[in-house]
Amino acid sequence: SKDLKGAMETLIEQKRQKLSAVEKLDEHMDFASQLIFAQNRGDLTAENVNQCVLEMMIAAPDTLSVTLFFMLILIAEHPTVEEEMMREIETVVGKQELQS
């Protein structure tokens, strides 16, 4: 637990340093960045930020897989929604090959 906490603190500090060095913040604004700025404003404590990042790292794969599973089931049950999604993908991506 202590090692994991230390690793999270190191990752957050690296992210904090990266944010302070970038020229255009909008290109680097992700959830971790929002947490760091919330701490800077005094809205969150360092412990809050560490806990949120830890939960994202540990819990996200499980919750994401369940969410994707149910999303795919719902899409399969609603073919008109699937058609609309495919049209939107084709509109945005065009002839380019899809990439992960």
Protein backbone atom coordinates (compact mmCIF):
# COMPACT_ATOMS: atom_id res chain seq x y z
CA SER A 1 0.00 0.00 0.00
CA LYS A 2 2.85 2.37 0.86
CA ASP A 3 4.65 1.54 -2.39
CA LEU A 4 1.49 2.13 -4.41
CA LYS A 5 0.88 5.45 -2.68
CA GLY A 6 4.44 6.51 -3.41
CA ALA A 7 4.10 5.50 -7.04
CA MET A 8 0.90 7.55 -7.37
CA GLU A 9 2.58 10.58 -5.81
CA THR A 10 5.48 10.21 -8.25
CA LEU A 11 3.14 9.97 -11.25
CA ILE A 12 1.14 13.00 -10.12
CA GLU A 13 4.33 15.01 -9.58
CA GLN A 14 5.54 14.07 -13.07
CA LYS A 15 2.21 15.18 -14.51
CA ARG A 16 2.40 18.43 -12.51
CA GLN A 17 5.87 19.16 -13.91
CA LYS A 18 4.75 18.36 -17.43
CA LEU A 19 1.81 20.75 -17.08
CA SER A 20 4.07 23.55 -15.87
CA ALA A 21 6.32 23.11 -18.92
CA VAL A 22 3.72 23.03 -21.71
CA GLU A 23 2.95 26.04 -23.84
CA LYS A 24 -0.65 25.15 -24.76
CA LEU A 25 -2.55 23.78 -21.80
CA ASP A 26 -5.68 22.84 -23.74
CA GLU A 27 -3.79 20.00 -25.49
CA HIS A 28 -2.93 18.43 -22.12
CA MET A 29 -6.19 18.87 -20.23
CA ASP A 30 -7.27 15.44 -19.10
CA PHE A 31 -8.90 14.26 -15.89
CA ALA A 32 -5.61 14.09 -13.98
CA SER A 33 -4.81 17.66 -15.06
CA GLN A 34 -8.22 18.83 -13.85
CA LEU A 35 -7.56 17.18 -10.48
CA ILE A 36 -4.18 18.89 -10.18
CA PHE A 37 -5.68 22.29 -10.98
CA ALA A 38 -8.48 21.67 -8.48
CA GLN A 39 -5.80 21.04 -5.85
CA ASN A 40 -3.96 24.21 -6.88
CA ARG A 41 -7.21 26.18 -6.39
CA GLY A 42 -7.70 24.59 -2.97
CA ASP A 43 -10.79 22.60 -4.01
CA LEU A 44 -9.07 19.25 -3.35
CA THR A 45 -6.32 18.07 -1.06
CA ALA A 46 -3.26 16.18 -2.25
CA GLU A 47 -4.77 13.06 -0.66
CA ASN A 48 -7.99 13.57 -2.68
CA VAL A 49 -6.00 13.80 -5.91
CA ASN A 50 -3.92 10.72 -5.04
CA GLN A 51 -7.05 8.71 -4.24
CA CYS A 52 -8.81 9.72 -7.46
CA VAL A 53 -5.81 8.82 -9.60
CA LEU A 54 -5.39 5.53 -7.75
CA GLU A 55 -9.04 4.65 -8.31
CA MET A 56 -8.75 5.51 -12.01
CA MET A 57 -5.71 3.24 -12.33
CA ILE A 58 -7.18 0.30 -10.42
CA ALA A 59 -10.93 0.44 -11.00
CA ALA A 60 -11.13 1.77 -14.54
CA PRO A 61 -10.39 -1.49 -16.43
CA ASP A 62 -13.19 -3.38 -14.62
CA THR A 63 -15.82 -0.68 -14.87
CA LEU A 64 -14.86 0.10 -18.47
CA SER A 65 -15.23 -3.51 -19.59
CA VAL A 66 -18.70 -3.79 -18.00
CA THR A 67 -19.78 -0.46 -19.50
CA LEU A 68 -18.55 -1.42 -22.97
CA PHE A 69 -20.29 -4.78 -22.75
CA PHE A 70 -23.66 -3.20 -21.97
CA MET A 71 -23.13 -0.49 -24.58
CA LEU A 72 -22.51 -3.15 -27.25
CA ILE A 73 -25.62 -5.07 -26.19
CA LEU A 74 -27.73 -1.91 -26.41
CA ILE A 75 -26.31 -1.07 -29.84
CA ALA A 76 -27.07 -4.62 -31.04
CA GLU A 77 -30.65 -4.28 -29.79
CA HIS A 78 -31.15 -0.93 -31.56
CA PRO A 79 -30.01 -1.25 -35.20
CA THR A 80 -31.11 2.28 -36.10
CA VAL A 81 -28.76 3.66 -33.45
CA GLU A 82 -25.96 1.50 -34.86
CA GLU A 83 -26.65 2.87 -38.36
CA GLU A 84 -26.56 6.45 -37.06
CA MET A 85 -23.27 5.77 -35.27
CA MET A 86 -21.74 4.29 -38.43
CA ARG A 87 -22.84 7.31 -40.47
CA GLU A 88 -21.28 9.65 -37.93
CA ILE A 89 -18.02 7.67 -37.92
CA GLU A 90 -17.91 7.76 -41.72
CA THR A 91 -18.60 11.51 -41.69
CA VAL A 92 -15.79 12.21 -39.21
CA VAL A 93 -13.22 9.66 -40.41
CA GLY A 94 -14.06 9.66 -44.12
CA LYS A 95 -11.90 7.31 -46.18
CA GLN A 96 -9.16 7.08 -43.56
CA GLU A 97 -8.50 3.73 -41.95
CA LEU A 98 -9.81 3.51 -38.38
CA GLN A 99 -7.13 3.47 -35.69
CA SER A 100 -7.35 2.63 -32.01
